[in-house]
Amino acid sequence: MIYRLLADSVLVLHLLFIGFVIFGGLLARRLSWIALAHLPAACWGAFIELTGGLCPLTLMEVEFRQTAGDAGYSGSFIEHYLLPVIYPAGLTRDIQFGLAGFVILINVAIYGVLVYRWWVSRAK
């Protein structure tokens, strides 16, 4: 029971991390210090997608599920609704490259706006 709860918790953490990788730059608009955590996270997310590697959170979750005696993903609300978001069916290398490109482009756009605003405010 505890390992299943730990696996579900890691899954939620993983989803939050993915959201932070994609949209954390928006938080940096309000709190500039968040960029110190977000930029490495965004680079990690792009790296994992570009190399086809496995995130340590994935490995941790799978280990907890196996320890709990689960063979796969079944049962809980979290698994039913969040797993397809994090581990979509039919994920291919081309899709991973597209996801990496999406992460890079959205973050370049967000930080581009931040740098532009900073530059304009310094010019005044």
C-alpha atoms as a PDB file:
ATOM      1  CA  MET A   1       0.000   0.000   0.000  1.00  0.00           C
ATOM      2  CA  ILE A   2       2.753   2.470   0.932  1.00  0.00           C
ATOM      3  CA  TYR A   3       4.702   1.754  -2.263  1.00  0.00           C
ATOM      4  CA  ARG A   4       1.628   2.327  -4.384  1.00  0.00           C
ATOM      5  CA  LEU A   5       1.107   5.677  -2.625  1.00  0.00           C
ATOM      6  CA  LEU A   6       4.779   6.545  -3.186  1.00  0.00           C
ATOM      7  CA  ALA A   7       4.459   5.634  -6.873  1.00  0.00           C
ATOM      8  CA  ASP A   8       1.359   7.823  -7.220  1.00  0.00           C
ATOM      9  CA  SER A   9       3.153  10.659  -5.432  1.00  0.00           C
ATOM     10  CA  VAL A  10       6.129  10.404  -7.777  1.00  0.00           C
ATOM     11  CA  LEU A  11       3.724  10.419 -10.729  1.00  0.00           C
ATOM     12  CA  VAL A  12       2.127  13.662  -9.508  1.00  0.00           C
ATOM     13  CA  LEU A  13       5.569  15.163  -8.878  1.00  0.00           C
ATOM     14  CA  HIS A  14       6.578  14.140 -12.398  1.00  0.00           C
ATOM     15  CA  LEU A  15       3.528  15.842 -13.897  1.00  0.00           C
ATOM     16  CA  LEU A  16       4.251  19.015 -11.909  1.00  0.00           C
ATOM     17  CA  PHE A  17       7.867  18.921 -13.056  1.00  0.00           C
ATOM     18  CA  ILE A  18       6.782  18.591 -16.693  1.00  0.00           C
ATOM     19  CA  GLY A  19       4.451  21.566 -16.239  1.00  0.00           C
ATOM     20  CA  PHE A  20       7.303  23.533 -14.674  1.00  0.00           C
ATOM     21  CA  VAL A  21       9.629  22.624 -17.560  1.00  0.00           C
ATOM     22  CA  ILE A  22       7.103  23.886 -20.099  1.00  0.00           C
ATOM     23  CA  PHE A  23       5.594  26.880 -18.319  1.00  0.00           C
ATOM     24  CA  GLY A  24       8.041  27.754 -15.522  1.00  0.00           C
ATOM     25  CA  GLY A  25       9.273  30.725 -17.510  1.00  0.00           C
ATOM     26  CA  LEU A  26       5.893  32.337 -16.947  1.00  0.00           C
ATOM     27  CA  LEU A  27       6.539  32.203 -13.202  1.00  0.00           C
ATOM     28  CA  ALA A  28       9.893  33.876 -13.807  1.00  0.00           C
ATOM     29  CA  ARG A  29       8.010  36.892 -15.151  1.00  0.00           C
ATOM     30  CA  ARG A  30       6.789  37.594 -11.609  1.00  0.00           C
ATOM     31  CA  LEU A  31       9.579  36.048  -9.549  1.00  0.00           C
ATOM     32  CA  SER A  32      12.887  36.400 -11.357  1.00  0.00           C
ATOM     33  CA  TRP A  33      14.737  34.033  -9.009  1.00  0.00           C
ATOM     34  CA  ILE A  34      12.630  31.126 -10.333  1.00  0.00           C
ATOM     35  CA  ALA A  35      14.645  31.326 -13.554  1.00  0.00           C
ATOM     36  CA  LEU A  36      17.591  29.896 -11.602  1.00  0.00           C
ATOM     37  CA  ALA A  37      15.641  26.670 -11.111  1.00  0.00           C
ATOM     38  CA  HIS A  38      13.648  26.769 -14.317  1.00  0.00           C
ATOM     39  CA  LEU A  39      16.442  27.109 -16.858  1.00  0.00           C
ATOM     40  CA  PRO A  40      18.240  23.923 -15.721  1.00  0.00           C
ATOM     41  CA  ALA A  41      14.879  22.107 -15.516  1.00  0.00           C
ATOM     42  CA  ALA A  42      13.969  23.182 -19.067  1.00  0.00           C
ATOM     43  CA  CYS A  43      17.388  22.092 -20.343  1.00  0.00           C
ATOM     44  CA  TRP A  44      16.955  18.726 -18.604  1.00  0.00           C
ATOM     45  CA  GLY A  45      13.484  18.259 -20.130  1.00  0.00           C
ATOM     46  CA  ALA A  46      14.756  19.060 -23.616  1.00  0.00           C
ATOM     47  CA  PHE A  47      17.798  16.796 -23.102  1.00  0.00           C
ATOM     48  CA  ILE A  48      15.650  13.837 -22.027  1.00  0.00           C
ATOM     49  CA  GLU A  49      13.374  14.255 -25.043  1.00  0.00           C
ATOM     50  CA  LEU A  50      16.218  14.749 -27.522  1.00  0.00           C
ATOM     51  CA  THR A  51      18.247  11.778 -26.294  1.00  0.00           C
ATOM     52  CA  GLY A  52      15.292   9.477 -25.680  1.00  0.00           C
ATOM     53  CA  GLY A  53      16.517   8.940 -22.145  1.00  0.00           C
ATOM     54  CA  LEU A  54      14.462   8.082 -19.100  1.00  0.00           C
ATOM     55  CA  CYS A  55      13.879  10.600 -16.371  1.00  0.00           C
ATOM     56  CA  PRO A  56      14.942   9.368 -12.921  1.00  0.00           C
ATOM     57  CA  LEU A  57      11.385  10.084 -11.746  1.00  0.00           C
ATOM     58  CA  THR A  58      10.130   7.489 -14.217  1.00  0.00           C
ATOM     59  CA  LEU A  59      12.594   4.922 -12.925  1.00  0.00           C
ATOM     60  CA  MET A  60      11.647   5.711  -9.320  1.00  0.00           C
ATOM     61  CA  GLU A  61       7.944   5.370 -10.052  1.00  0.00           C
ATOM     62  CA  VAL A  62       8.391   2.036 -11.846  1.00  0.00           C
ATOM     63  CA  GLU A  63      10.502   0.723  -8.971  1.00  0.00           C
ATOM     64  CA  PHE A  64       7.812   1.675  -6.447  1.00  0.00           C
ATOM     65  CA  ARG A  65       5.119   0.035  -8.578  1.00  0.00           C
ATOM     66  CA  GLN A  66       7.101  -3.172  -8.926  1.00  0.00           C
ATOM     67  CA  THR A  67       7.800  -3.223  -5.193  1.00  0.00           C
ATOM     68  CA  ALA A  68       4.070  -2.789  -4.606  1.00  0.00           C
ATOM     69  CA  GLY A  69       3.489  -5.860  -6.766  1.00  0.00           C
ATOM     70  CA  ASP A  70       1.984  -4.025  -9.742  1.00  0.00           C
ATOM     71  CA  ALA A  71       2.830  -5.312 -13.174  1.00  0.00           C
ATOM     72  CA  GLY A  72       1.634  -2.180 -14.909  1.00  0.00           C
ATOM     73  CA  TYR A  73      -0.439   0.910 -14.478  1.00  0.00           C
ATOM     74  CA  SER A  74      -3.907   0.131 -13.263  1.00  0.00           C
ATOM     75  CA  GLY A  75      -6.286   0.975 -10.511  1.00  0.00           C
ATOM     76  CA  SER A  76      -6.103   4.458  -9.096  1.00  0.00           C
ATOM     77  CA  PHE A  77      -7.566   7.738 -10.260  1.00  0.00           C
ATOM     78  CA  ILE A  78      -4.100   9.198 -10.628  1.00  0.00           C
ATOM     79  CA  GLU A  79      -2.930   6.356 -12.804  1.00  0.00           C
ATOM     80  CA  HIS A  80      -6.015   6.452 -14.973  1.00  0.00           C
ATOM     81  CA  TYR A  81      -5.971  10.194 -15.680  1.00  0.00           C
ATOM     82  CA  LEU A  82      -2.343  11.277 -15.369  1.00  0.00           C
ATOM     83  CA  LEU A  83      -0.448   8.391 -16.913  1.00  0.00           C
ATOM     84  CA  PRO A  84      -1.648   9.093 -20.482  1.00  0.00           C
ATOM     85  CA  VAL A  85      -0.386  12.669 -20.131  1.00  0.00           C
ATOM     86  CA  ILE A  86       3.093  11.662 -18.985  1.00  0.00           C
ATOM     87  CA  TYR A  87       3.394   8.413 -20.950  1.00  0.00           C
ATOM     88  CA  PRO A  88       1.252   8.809 -24.084  1.00  0.00           C
ATOM     89  CA  ALA A  89       0.493   5.756 -26.198  1.00  0.00           C
ATOM     90  CA  GLY A  90       2.427   5.636 -29.442  1.00  0.00           C
ATOM     91  CA  LEU A  91       5.267   7.880 -28.264  1.00  0.00           C
ATOM     92  CA  THR A  92       7.910   7.817 -31.006  1.00  0.00           C
ATOM     93  CA  ARG A  93      11.314   9.447 -31.424  1.00  0.00           C
ATOM     94  CA  ASP A  94       9.780  11.940 -33.868  1.00  0.00           C
ATOM     95  CA  ILE A  95       7.196  12.923 -31.282  1.00  0.00           C
ATOM     96  CA  GLN A  96       9.943  13.244 -28.669  1.00  0.00           C
ATOM     97  CA  PHE A  97      11.885  15.560 -30.991  1.00  0.00           C
ATOM     98  CA  GLY A  98       8.714  17.597 -31.476  1.00  0.00           C
ATOM     99  CA  LEU A  99       8.185  17.800 -27.708  1.00  0.00           C
ATOM    100  CA  ALA A 100      11.772  18.903 -27.213  1.00  0.00           C
ATOM    101  CA  GLY A 101      11.318  21.559 -29.892  1.00  0.00           C
ATOM    102  CA  PHE A 102       8.125  22.723 -28.197  1.00  0.00           C
ATOM    103  CA  VAL A 103       9.882  23.018 -24.828  1.00  0.00           C
ATOM    104  CA  ILE A 104      12.765  24.932 -26.376  1.00  0.00           C
ATOM    105  CA  LEU A 105      10.600  27.277 -28.472  1.00  0.00           C
ATOM    106  CA  ILE A 106       8.151  28.186 -25.725  1.00  0.00           C
ATOM    107  CA  ASN A 107      10.966  28.883 -23.294  1.00  0.00           C
ATOM    108  CA  VAL A 108      12.995  30.916 -25.797  1.00  0.00           C
ATOM    109  CA  ALA A 109       9.863  32.990 -26.436  1.00  0.00           C
ATOM    110  CA  ILE A 110       9.149  33.521 -22.734  1.00  0.00           C
ATOM    111  CA  TYR A 111      12.720  34.420 -21.859  1.00  0.00           C
ATOM    112  CA  GLY A 112      13.011  36.541 -24.991  1.00  0.00           C
ATOM    113  CA  VAL A 113      10.114  38.661 -23.748  1.00  0.00           C
ATOM    114  CA  LEU A 114      11.682  38.839 -20.272  1.00  0.00           C
ATOM    115  CA  VAL A 115      15.046  39.952 -21.647  1.00  0.00           C
ATOM    116  CA  TYR A 116      13.368  42.480 -23.933  1.00  0.00           C
ATOM    117  CA  ARG A 117      11.399  43.975 -21.033  1.00  0.00           C
ATOM    118  CA  TRP A 118      14.510  44.093 -18.895  1.00  0.00           C
ATOM    119  CA  TRP A 119      16.447  45.751 -21.707  1.00  0.00           C
ATOM    120  CA  VAL A 120      13.716  48.363 -22.276  1.00  0.00           C
ATOM    121  CA  SER A 121      13.436  49.127 -18.553  1.00  0.00           C
ATOM    122  CA  ARG A 122      17.211  49.703 -18.342  1.00  0.00           C
ATOM    123  CA  ALA A 123      17.105  52.057 -21.332  1.00  0.00           C
ATOM    124  CA  LYS A 124      14.672  54.426 -19.603  1.00  0.00           C
END
